[in-house]
């Protein structure tokens, strides 16, 4: 009897504890448990439904259904007059004079800034390399794709840029697109100018980082974003300790021809403790007393920049690209730069051509001053053309001509600019329209005609081009 009474008392005490715990539990806990209980009851008593069985179709009905079915197109429909399907055919080297569709024109379209594309010394160096190494490499750098000429070019680029080390890629677009995801990963934060070129955008996409766009060259807007991030970091210091932050800009912007305000960016770098990546494909071999780019132009210590990238397809008149910086930064790309690790290395003949182009740049630094003077000449000559707006710095070798007033339709604006470019082509001036993948651009630039200046163009040819562009604008727009 005593044992039974003790068991009864124990059960009663457990029940009392349960009731007490029920009253002491937080409200959200009770609500959550209630929802779970109701969900379980619903699952237990809900009806199960069977798919309605349908009778077999006759062969005739099947054939009719098959005939009616229309598959979705593999790709969206493209108009037959799309520029990509109606390209102009070049015969011979696209140097000072270019033969387009059988017509000889003065070349204002190719990025041959220093006129080295058809240079005899560069061609001879490439031919000697061709006889020694053959045409290609047929392997990435880690798989018998590293040739002695690659190491020589990397050493020469590092010394030219006054950095510890450099690394070369076999494709210009892949250089910055591979470098970004090599350092910035998921969860990291990249502050990037909204006018950044498409290669940068693809690199950001591959990195899966948190991208924050600031207005083009607007340092106040960039600092606003940096301050907001600083406040977020204070709320979660543990996460902030493992989150990397980068500022990503171009020296000269491909889409605008504007120069980045590098001195102000350096101040923000140290104030908010972020890293700076600088893309110099348009400014390398153009800006600075010796063509070292925007750092030399502003007199900035190159060690203040964490990574510099540029392609070798403009001033060096070759193919591929390079990154330079401190040794431990560059060596990381040899392990994780996708374009470096998985693409066949740069053909030795193109590496040899780039080395010889560097030799010419070092022997003849006055070439950069000549280029800047010619840029300023045509920039001034293109001012005050009725209906057109000149976009870009006066020393930029790639300017944009945009419509002062849009017609209200991007498609119509493109057609108007095409008529201007065609007018110039018919008068032996080769221009090109800037083209974009419109559905993939983060911030789609306005339609424009791109005017490219090289050292080979004479003053008379620059004046002639400006005069014909003025005539074309008056004929098409007025």
Protein backbone atom coordinates (compact mmCIF):
# COMPACT_ATOMS: atom_id res chain seq x y z
CA UNK A 1 0.00 0.00 0.00
CA UNK A 2 2.82 2.37 0.92
CA UNK A 3 4.60 1.70 -2.41
CA UNK A 4 1.42 2.32 -4.41
CA UNK A 5 0.84 5.57 -2.57
CA UNK A 6 4.42 6.67 -3.32
CA UNK A 7 3.96 5.96 -7.05
CA UNK A 8 0.70 7.94 -7.07
CA UNK A 9 2.35 10.85 -5.33
CA UNK A 10 5.24 10.79 -7.89
CA UNK A 11 2.88 10.84 -10.87
CA UNK A 12 0.93 13.67 -9.30
CA UNK A 13 4.16 15.63 -8.73
CA UNK A 14 5.24 15.16 -12.40
CA UNK A 15 1.86 16.48 -13.55
CA UNK A 16 2.24 19.52 -11.30
CA UNK A 17 5.72 20.20 -12.75
CA UNK A 18 4.35 19.98 -16.28
CA UNK A 19 1.59 22.47 -15.52
CA UNK A 20 4.08 24.79 -13.83
CA UNK A 21 6.45 24.59 -16.78
CA UNK A 22 3.55 25.36 -19.13
CA UNK A 23 2.81 28.61 -17.27
CA UNK A 24 6.50 29.60 -17.08
CA UNK A 25 7.28 28.94 -20.78
CA UNK A 26 7.66 32.01 -23.05
CA UNK A 27 4.68 32.87 -25.24
CA UNK A 28 6.54 32.34 -28.54
CA UNK A 29 7.50 28.84 -27.39
CA UNK A 30 3.86 27.93 -26.71
CA UNK A 31 2.72 29.38 -30.04
CA UNK A 32 5.37 27.39 -31.92
CA UNK A 33 4.42 24.15 -30.16
CA UNK A 34 0.75 24.80 -30.85
CA UNK A 35 1.43 25.31 -34.58
CA UNK A 36 3.44 22.09 -34.72
CA UNK A 37 0.69 20.11 -32.99
CA UNK A 38 -1.96 21.48 -35.38
CA UNK A 39 0.25 20.66 -38.38
CA UNK A 40 0.70 17.08 -37.18
CA UNK A 41 -3.07 16.69 -36.68
CA UNK A 42 -3.66 18.05 -40.20
CA UNK A 43 -1.22 15.58 -41.70
CA UNK A 44 -2.83 12.69 -39.86
CA UNK A 45 -6.39 13.46 -40.94
CA UNK A 46 -5.87 15.04 -44.36
CA UNK A 47 -7.07 13.09 -47.37
CA UNK A 48 -4.71 11.66 -49.91
CA UNK A 49 -5.53 12.18 -53.54
CA UNK A 50 -4.70 9.95 -56.44
CA UNK A 51 -3.93 11.29 -59.85
CA UNK A 52 -6.83 10.88 -62.14
CA UNK A 53 -6.17 7.98 -64.42
CA UNK A 54 -6.66 8.84 -68.03
CA UNK A 55 -7.50 6.37 -70.72
CA UNK A 56 -4.95 5.39 -73.33
CA UNK A 57 -4.83 7.63 -76.37
CA UNK A 58 -5.38 6.19 -79.82
CA UNK A 59 -2.43 6.39 -82.27
CA UNK A 60 -4.29 9.04 -84.23
CA UNK A 61 -4.78 11.21 -81.10
CA UNK A 62 -1.09 10.87 -80.25
CA UNK A 63 -0.08 11.99 -83.73
CA UNK A 64 -2.38 15.01 -83.51
CA UNK A 65 -0.88 16.03 -80.14
CA UNK A 66 2.65 15.65 -81.48
CA UNK A 67 1.82 17.79 -84.53
CA UNK A 68 0.30 20.50 -82.33
CA UNK A 69 3.27 20.61 -79.91
CA UNK A 70 5.69 23.47 -80.44
CA UNK A 71 9.00 23.30 -78.52
CA UNK A 72 10.46 26.43 -76.95
CA UNK A 73 13.32 27.86 -79.05
CA UNK A 74 16.80 27.02 -77.81
CA UNK A 75 17.78 30.66 -78.16
CA UNK A 76 15.66 33.83 -78.46
CA UNK A 77 14.93 34.99 -82.01
CA UNK A 78 17.50 37.40 -83.45
CA UNK A 79 16.88 39.82 -86.28
CA UNK A 80 18.81 39.12 -89.49
CA UNK A 81 20.10 42.72 -89.51
CA UNK A 82 21.66 42.38 -86.04
CA UNK A 83 25.21 43.87 -86.12
CA UNK A 84 26.74 40.63 -84.81
CA UNK A 85 25.41 38.79 -87.87
CA UNK A 86 26.53 41.45 -90.33
CA UNK A 87 30.13 42.07 -89.42
CA UNK A 88 32.60 43.94 -91.58
CA UNK A 89 35.45 41.88 -93.04
CA UNK A 90 39.00 43.14 -92.62
CA UNK A 91 41.72 42.30 -95.15
CA UNK A 92 45.29 42.81 -93.97
CA UNK A 93 46.59 44.23 -90.66
CA UNK A 94 44.23 46.62 -88.81
CA UNK A 95 46.98 49.22 -88.42
CA UNK A 96 47.02 52.89 -89.46
CA UNK A 97 45.18 52.12 -92.70
CA UNK A 98 42.61 49.34 -92.66
CA UNK A 99 40.87 47.59 -95.57
CA UNK A 100 37.22 46.96 -94.63
CA UNK A 101 35.01 45.10 -97.09
CA UNK A 102 37.57 45.89 -99.77
CA UNK A 103 37.63 49.63 -98.99
CA UNK A 104 40.76 51.32 -97.59
CA UNK A 105 40.05 53.63 -94.64
CA UNK A 106 41.91 55.53 -91.94
CA UNK A 107 41.56 53.36 -88.85
CA UNK A 108 39.77 55.03 -85.92
CA UNK A 109 38.35 51.75 -84.61
CA UNK A 110 41.22 49.46 -83.48
CA UNK A 111 42.89 49.80 -80.07
CA UNK A 112 46.38 49.90 -81.58
CA UNK A 113 47.27 52.97 -79.46
CA UNK A 114 51.06 52.91 -79.94
CA UNK A 115 50.98 51.66 -83.54
CA UNK A 116 52.94 48.49 -82.71
CA UNK A 117 50.60 46.01 -84.39
CA UNK A 118 52.42 46.20 -87.74
CA UNK A 119 55.80 47.22 -86.32
CA UNK A 120 58.71 45.44 -88.06
CA UNK A 121 60.64 44.76 -84.86
CA UNK A 122 57.57 43.23 -83.20
CA UNK A 123 56.82 41.07 -86.26
CA UNK A 124 60.44 39.87 -86.48
CA UNK A 125 60.44 38.87 -82.80
CA UNK A 126 57.19 36.94 -83.32
CA UNK A 127 58.56 35.20 -86.43
CA UNK A 128 61.75 34.15 -84.62
CA UNK A 129 59.66 32.73 -81.78
CA UNK A 130 57.41 30.94 -84.26
CA UNK A 131 60.40 29.16 -85.79
CA UNK A 132 61.75 28.18 -82.37
CA UNK A 133 58.57 27.14 -80.48
CA UNK A 134 55.91 26.51 -83.10
CA UNK A 135 52.41 27.99 -83.14
CA UNK A 136 50.74 27.23 -79.81
CA UNK A 137 51.35 25.53 -76.45
CA UNK A 138 48.54 22.93 -76.27
CA UNK A 139 48.55 22.97 -72.49
CA UNK A 140 47.89 25.16 -69.41
CA UNK A 141 50.79 26.60 -67.45
CA UNK A 142 50.74 23.75 -64.92
CA UNK A 143 50.79 21.02 -67.60
CA UNK A 144 53.88 21.60 -69.78
CA UNK A 145 52.46 24.94 -70.90
CA UNK A 146 55.11 27.09 -69.19
CA UNK A 147 57.80 28.19 -71.65
CA UNK A 148 60.91 30.20 -70.84
CA UNK A 149 59.53 33.10 -72.87
CA UNK A 150 56.49 33.24 -70.53
CA UNK A 151 58.76 33.62 -67.50
CA UNK A 152 60.78 36.30 -69.28
CA UNK A 153 57.63 38.28 -70.12
CA UNK A 154 56.36 38.05 -66.53
CA UNK A 155 59.73 39.26 -65.24
CA UNK A 156 59.80 42.15 -67.74
CA UNK A 157 56.24 43.25 -66.89
CA UNK A 158 56.97 43.20 -63.14
CA UNK A 159 60.11 45.31 -63.62
CA UNK A 160 58.33 47.71 -65.98
CA UNK A 161 55.47 48.22 -63.51
CA UNK A 162 57.90 48.28 -60.55
CA UNK A 163 56.11 45.51 -58.67
CA UNK A 164 57.44 42.32 -57.09
CA UNK A 165 55.84 39.89 -59.50
CA UNK A 166 53.43 39.53 -62.43
CA UNK A 167 51.36 36.75 -63.99
CA UNK A 168 50.20 36.49 -67.61
CA UNK A 169 46.97 35.10 -69.04
CA UNK A 170 46.28 33.92 -72.56
CA UNK A 171 43.04 35.92 -72.94
CA UNK A 172 42.54 39.56 -72.03
CA UNK A 173 38.89 39.27 -70.96
CA UNK A 174 39.69 36.33 -68.69
CA UNK A 175 42.40 38.23 -66.79
CA UNK A 176 40.27 40.39 -64.50
CA UNK A 177 37.35 37.94 -64.76
CA UNK A 178 39.63 35.26 -63.24
CA UNK A 179 41.46 37.52 -60.78
CA UNK A 180 38.34 38.74 -58.97
CA UNK A 181 36.95 35.31 -57.92
CA UNK A 182 40.47 34.20 -56.98
CA UNK A 183 40.32 36.59 -54.00
CA UNK A 184 36.71 37.60 -53.40
CA UNK A 185 34.39 34.76 -52.38
CA UNK A 186 30.81 34.27 -51.26
CA UNK A 187 30.06 36.59 -48.34
CA UNK A 188 32.81 39.09 -49.20
CA UNK A 189 31.86 42.63 -50.22
CA UNK A 190 32.94 44.44 -53.39
CA UNK A 191 32.28 48.15 -53.90
CA UNK A 192 32.35 48.69 -57.66
CA UNK A 193 31.77 51.64 -59.97
CA UNK A 194 28.52 51.28 -61.90
CA UNK A 195 30.35 52.02 -65.17
CA UNK A 196 32.62 48.97 -64.79
CA UNK A 197 33.28 47.02 -67.99
CA UNK A 198 31.69 43.67 -68.80
CA UNK A 199 34.80 41.64 -67.90
CA UNK A 200 34.63 43.01 -64.35
CA UNK A 201 30.92 42.21 -64.17
CA UNK A 202 31.56 38.60 -65.18
CA UNK A 203 34.30 38.31 -62.58
CA UNK A 204 31.96 39.58 -59.89
CA UNK A 205 29.29 37.15 -61.01
CA UNK A 206 31.73 34.24 -60.77
CA UNK A 207 32.86 35.32 -57.29
CA UNK A 208 29.28 35.26 -55.89
CA UNK A 209 30.29 38.15 -53.63
CA UNK A 210 28.00 40.82 -52.25
CA UNK A 211 28.29 43.59 -54.87
CA UNK A 212 27.53 47.21 -53.97
CA UNK A 213 27.45 49.64 -56.89
CA UNK A 214 28.34 53.30 -56.40
CA UNK A 215 27.61 56.10 -58.86
CA UNK A 216 30.22 56.60 -61.55
CA UNK A 217 33.30 58.34 -60.09
CA UNK A 218 31.15 59.64 -57.19
CA UNK A 219 33.37 59.42 -54.10
CA UNK A 220 30.65 60.79 -51.84
CA UNK A 221 28.35 57.94 -52.84
CA UNK A 222 31.17 55.41 -52.32
CA UNK A 223 31.90 56.78 -48.85
CA UNK A 224 28.20 56.58 -48.00
CA UNK A 225 28.24 52.86 -48.81
CA UNK A 226 31.47 52.38 -46.84
CA UNK A 227 29.97 54.11 -43.80
CA UNK A 228 26.82 52.00 -44.01
CA UNK A 229 28.96 48.87 -44.12
CA UNK A 230 31.01 50.10 -41.16
CA UNK A 231 27.80 50.41 -39.11
CA UNK A 232 26.74 46.89 -40.16
CA UNK A 233 30.14 45.54 -39.12
CA UNK A 234 29.79 47.07 -35.66
CA UNK A 235 26.54 45.16 -35.18
CA UNK A 236 28.17 41.83 -35.98
CA UNK A 237 31.92 42.11 -35.27
CA UNK A 238 32.47 38.34 -35.48
CA UNK A 239 31.22 38.25 -39.08
CA UNK A 240 33.11 41.45 -39.90
CA UNK A 241 36.40 39.81 -38.91
CA UNK A 242 36.10 37.17 -41.65
CA UNK A 243 34.54 39.36 -44.37
CA UNK A 244 36.92 40.80 -46.96
CA UNK A 245 36.14 44.16 -48.57
CA UNK A 246 37.33 45.43 -51.94
CA UNK A 247 37.02 48.57 -54.05
CA UNK A 248 37.12 47.77 -57.76
CA UNK A 249 37.67 50.49 -60.38
CA UNK A 250 39.17 51.05 -63.84
CA UNK A 251 42.05 53.43 -64.50
CA UNK A 252 40.40 54.73 -67.68
CA UNK A 253 36.85 53.46 -68.03
CA UNK A 254 36.16 51.55 -71.23
CA UNK A 255 32.49 52.58 -71.26
CA UNK A 256 33.01 56.30 -70.58
CA UNK A 257 36.64 57.27 -71.25
CA UNK A 258 36.77 58.86 -67.77
CA UNK A 259 39.73 58.54 -65.40
CA UNK A 260 39.17 57.26 -61.86
CA UNK A 261 39.91 59.68 -58.98
CA UNK A 262 42.69 57.47 -57.61
CA UNK A 263 44.06 59.84 -54.90
CA UNK A 264 40.62 60.03 -53.27
CA UNK A 265 40.21 56.26 -53.55
CA UNK A 266 43.52 55.73 -51.72
CA UNK A 267 42.32 57.94 -48.85
CA UNK A 268 39.10 55.92 -48.57
CA UNK A 269 41.08 52.67 -48.70
CA UNK A 270 43.06 53.49 -45.58
CA UNK A 271 40.19 55.23 -43.81
CA UNK A 272 37.82 52.25 -44.10
CA UNK A 273 40.44 49.46 -44.33
CA UNK A 274 39.52 48.01 -47.71
CA UNK A 275 41.61 46.64 -50.59
CA UNK A 276 41.81 48.24 -54.05
CA UNK A 277 41.80 46.36 -57.35
CA UNK A 278 42.67 48.50 -60.38
CA UNK A 279 41.83 47.46 -63.96
CA UNK A 280 44.15 49.31 -66.36
CA UNK A 281 43.52 47.81 -69.79
CA UNK A 282 42.84 51.25 -71.31
CA UNK A 283 45.38 53.25 -69.26
CA UNK A 284 48.39 50.89 -69.39
CA UNK A 285 50.78 52.08 -72.09
CA UNK A 286 48.87 55.36 -72.31
CA UNK A 287 48.99 57.38 -69.07
CA UNK A 288 52.06 58.45 -67.16
CA UNK A 289 55.45 59.69 -68.31
CA UNK A 290 56.59 56.15 -69.10
CA UNK A 291 53.21 54.56 -69.81
CA UNK A 292 52.85 52.78 -66.46
CA UNK A 293 49.24 53.84 -66.13
CA UNK A 294 47.07 55.77 -63.75
CA UNK A 295 49.34 55.32 -60.71
CA UNK A 296 52.18 57.07 -62.55
CA UNK A 297 49.75 59.68 -63.90
CA UNK A 298 48.78 60.71 -60.35
CA UNK A 299 52.18 60.02 -58.74
CA UNK A 300 50.68 57.31 -56.51
CA UNK A 301 52.93 54.71 -54.89
CA UNK A 302 52.07 51.48 -56.69
CA UNK A 303 52.33 49.57 -53.40
CA UNK A 304 49.13 51.35 -52.33
CA UNK A 305 47.27 49.26 -54.92
CA UNK A 306 46.62 45.66 -53.92
CA UNK A 307 46.27 44.31 -57.47
CA UNK A 308 46.67 45.80 -60.95
CA UNK A 309 45.39 44.05 -64.05
CA UNK A 310 45.56 44.99 -67.72
CA UNK A 311 45.28 43.33 -71.09
CA UNK A 312 48.11 43.17 -73.65
CA UNK A 313 45.71 43.61 -76.57
CA UNK A 314 45.82 47.41 -76.76
CA UNK A 315 49.15 49.18 -76.30
CA UNK A 316 51.29 46.02 -76.58
CA UNK A 317 49.41 44.93 -79.74
CA UNK A 318 49.49 41.28 -78.63
CA UNK A 319 46.97 38.97 -76.98
CA UNK A 320 46.24 38.08 -73.35
CA UNK A 321 46.58 40.04 -70.14
CA UNK A 322 48.56 40.29 -66.92
CA UNK A 323 48.20 41.03 -63.22
CA UNK A 324 50.96 42.50 -61.07
CA UNK A 325 51.50 43.21 -57.40
CA UNK A 326 53.17 41.66 -54.37
CA UNK A 327 54.53 38.13 -54.74
CA UNK A 328 52.17 36.50 -52.24
CA UNK A 329 49.17 38.10 -53.99
CA UNK A 330 50.24 37.03 -57.48
CA UNK A 331 51.27 33.50 -56.45
CA UNK A 332 47.73 32.90 -55.20
CA UNK A 333 46.44 33.28 -58.78
CA UNK A 334 48.73 30.48 -59.93
CA UNK A 335 46.66 28.22 -57.71
CA UNK A 336 43.17 29.64 -58.19
CA UNK A 337 43.05 31.88 -61.28
CA UNK A 338 40.64 29.93 -63.49
CA UNK A 339 41.87 31.39 -66.78
CA UNK A 340 45.46 30.66 -65.75
CA UNK A 341 44.94 27.14 -64.45
CA UNK A 342 42.57 25.75 -67.09
CA UNK A 343 43.32 27.56 -70.37
CA UNK A 344 46.16 26.80 -72.75
CA UNK A 345 48.98 29.24 -72.09
CA UNK A 346 49.82 32.23 -74.27
CA UNK A 347 51.37 31.22 -77.63
CA UNK A 348 55.14 31.91 -77.35
CA UNK A 349 55.16 34.05 -80.50
CA UNK A 350 52.70 36.47 -78.84
CA UNK A 351 54.75 36.54 -75.64
CA UNK A 352 57.84 37.38 -77.70
CA UNK A 353 55.89 40.13 -79.51
CA UNK A 354 54.82 41.63 -76.17
CA UNK A 355 58.44 41.62 -74.91
CA UNK A 356 59.61 43.48 -78.01
CA UNK A 357 56.73 45.96 -77.62
CA UNK A 358 57.90 46.61 -74.05
CA UNK A 359 61.42 47.22 -75.38
CA UNK A 360 60.08 49.86 -77.78
CA UNK A 361 58.04 51.53 -75.01
CA UNK A 362 61.09 51.74 -72.75
CA UNK A 363 63.38 53.01 -75.51
CA UNK A 364 60.96 55.68 -76.75
CA UNK A 365 58.94 57.14 -73.83
CA UNK A 366 58.16 60.27 -75.86
CA UNK A 367 55.59 58.14 -77.69
CA UNK A 368 53.17 58.55 -74.76
CA UNK A 369 53.33 62.34 -74.93
CA UNK A 370 52.72 62.22 -78.70
CA UNK A 371 49.64 60.03 -78.15
CA UNK A 372 48.22 62.36 -75.49
CA UNK A 373 48.70 65.41 -77.72
CA UNK A 374 46.82 63.75 -80.57
CA UNK A 375 44.03 62.74 -78.19
CA UNK A 376 43.67 66.34 -77.04
CA UNK A 377 43.66 67.59 -80.63
CA UNK A 378 40.73 65.48 -81.79
CA UNK A 379 38.90 65.90 -78.47
CA UNK A 380 38.95 69.66 -79.05
CA UNK A 381 38.00 69.29 -82.73
CA UNK A 382 34.95 67.19 -81.88
CA UNK A 383 33.50 69.76 -79.49
CA UNK A 384 30.29 71.64 -80.32
CA UNK A 385 29.09 69.25 -83.02
CA UNK A 386 25.35 69.82 -83.27
CA UNK A 387 23.48 66.81 -81.90
CA UNK A 388 26.53 64.94 -80.57
CA UNK A 389 28.16 64.90 -77.13
CA UNK A 390 31.83 64.00 -76.64
CA UNK A 391 32.29 61.71 -73.61
CA UNK A 392 35.72 60.97 -72.14
CA UNK A 393 38.86 62.71 -70.90
CA UNK A 394 40.81 64.84 -73.36
CA UNK A 395 43.81 62.50 -72.95
CA UNK A 396 41.83 59.27 -73.36
CA UNK A 397 42.65 57.35 -76.58
CA UNK A 398 39.09 56.01 -76.73
CA UNK A 399 36.31 58.63 -76.84
CA UNK A 400 32.54 58.16 -77.10
CA UNK A 401 30.15 60.19 -79.23
CA UNK A 402 26.64 60.08 -77.81
CA UNK A 403 23.43 61.74 -78.93
CA UNK A 404 22.75 65.00 -77.09
CA UNK A 405 19.04 64.16 -77.09
CA UNK A 406 17.64 60.67 -77.34
CA UNK A 407 14.96 59.91 -79.91
CA UNK A 408 13.01 58.16 -77.17
CA UNK A 409 13.98 54.66 -78.26
CA UNK A 410 17.32 52.95 -77.75
CA UNK A 411 16.84 51.04 -80.97
CA UNK A 412 16.29 54.25 -82.93
CA UNK A 413 19.29 55.90 -81.26
CA UNK A 414 21.48 52.98 -82.36
CA UNK A 415 20.18 53.28 -85.93
CA UNK A 416 20.94 57.02 -86.02
CA UNK A 417 24.50 56.44 -84.81
CA UNK A 418 24.94 53.63 -87.33
CA UNK A 419 23.99 56.02 -90.14
CA UNK A 420 26.64 58.45 -88.90
CA UNK A 421 29.28 55.67 -88.77
CA UNK A 422 28.28 54.46 -92.25
CA UNK A 423 28.49 58.02 -93.59
CA UNK A 424 32.06 58.24 -92.29
CA UNK A 425 32.93 54.80 -93.66
CA UNK A 426 31.80 55.85 -97.13
CA UNK A 427 34.30 58.71 -96.85
CA UNK A 428 37.17 56.46 -95.78
CA UNK A 429 36.99 57.01 -92.01
CA UNK A 430 36.54 53.70 -90.12
CA UNK A 431 34.61 54.10 -86.85
CA UNK A 432 32.76 51.56 -84.75
CA UNK A 433 29.73 51.62 -82.49
CA UNK A 434 30.16 50.53 -78.89
CA UNK A 435 28.18 47.31 -78.43
CA UNK A 436 26.90 45.66 -75.28
CA UNK A 437 25.04 42.52 -74.21
CA UNK A 438 22.03 44.60 -73.28
CA UNK A 439 20.21 41.97 -71.21
CA UNK A 440 23.28 41.17 -69.12
CA UNK A 441 24.76 44.60 -68.42
CA UNK A 442 24.22 45.78 -64.83
CA UNK A 443 24.07 49.43 -65.84
CA UNK A 444 23.61 49.66 -69.60
CA UNK A 445 25.56 52.62 -71.08
CA UNK A 446 23.87 54.88 -73.63
CA UNK A 447 24.46 54.04 -77.31
CA UNK A 448 27.60 55.62 -78.70
CA UNK A 449 30.18 55.70 -81.48
CA UNK A 450 33.69 54.96 -80.29
CA UNK A 451 36.58 57.03 -81.68
CA UNK A 452 40.02 55.47 -81.12
CA UNK A 453 43.20 57.54 -81.46
CA UNK A 454 46.68 56.15 -82.22
CA UNK A 455 50.14 57.67 -82.62
CA UNK A 456 50.13 56.76 -86.32
CA UNK A 457 47.31 59.15 -87.24
CA UNK A 458 48.60 62.45 -88.61
CA UNK A 459 47.27 65.85 -87.60
CA UNK A 460 45.69 66.19 -91.05
CA UNK A 461 43.92 62.85 -90.66
CA UNK A 462 42.66 63.80 -87.20
CA UNK A 463 41.25 67.07 -88.54
CA UNK A 464 39.74 65.28 -91.53
CA UNK A 465 38.02 62.72 -89.30
CA UNK A 466 36.57 65.44 -87.06
CA UNK A 467 35.34 67.36 -90.13
CA UNK A 468 33.65 64.28 -91.66
CA UNK A 469 32.03 63.36 -88.33
CA UNK A 470 30.65 66.90 -88.15
CA UNK A 471 29.27 66.59 -91.70
CA UNK A 472 27.73 63.20 -90.86
CA UNK A 473 25.99 64.57 -87.76
CA UNK A 474 24.58 67.53 -89.71
CA UNK A 475 23.39 65.24 -92.50
CA UNK A 476 21.81 62.56 -90.29
CA UNK A 477 20.56 64.51 -87.27
CA UNK A 478 19.45 67.77 -88.89
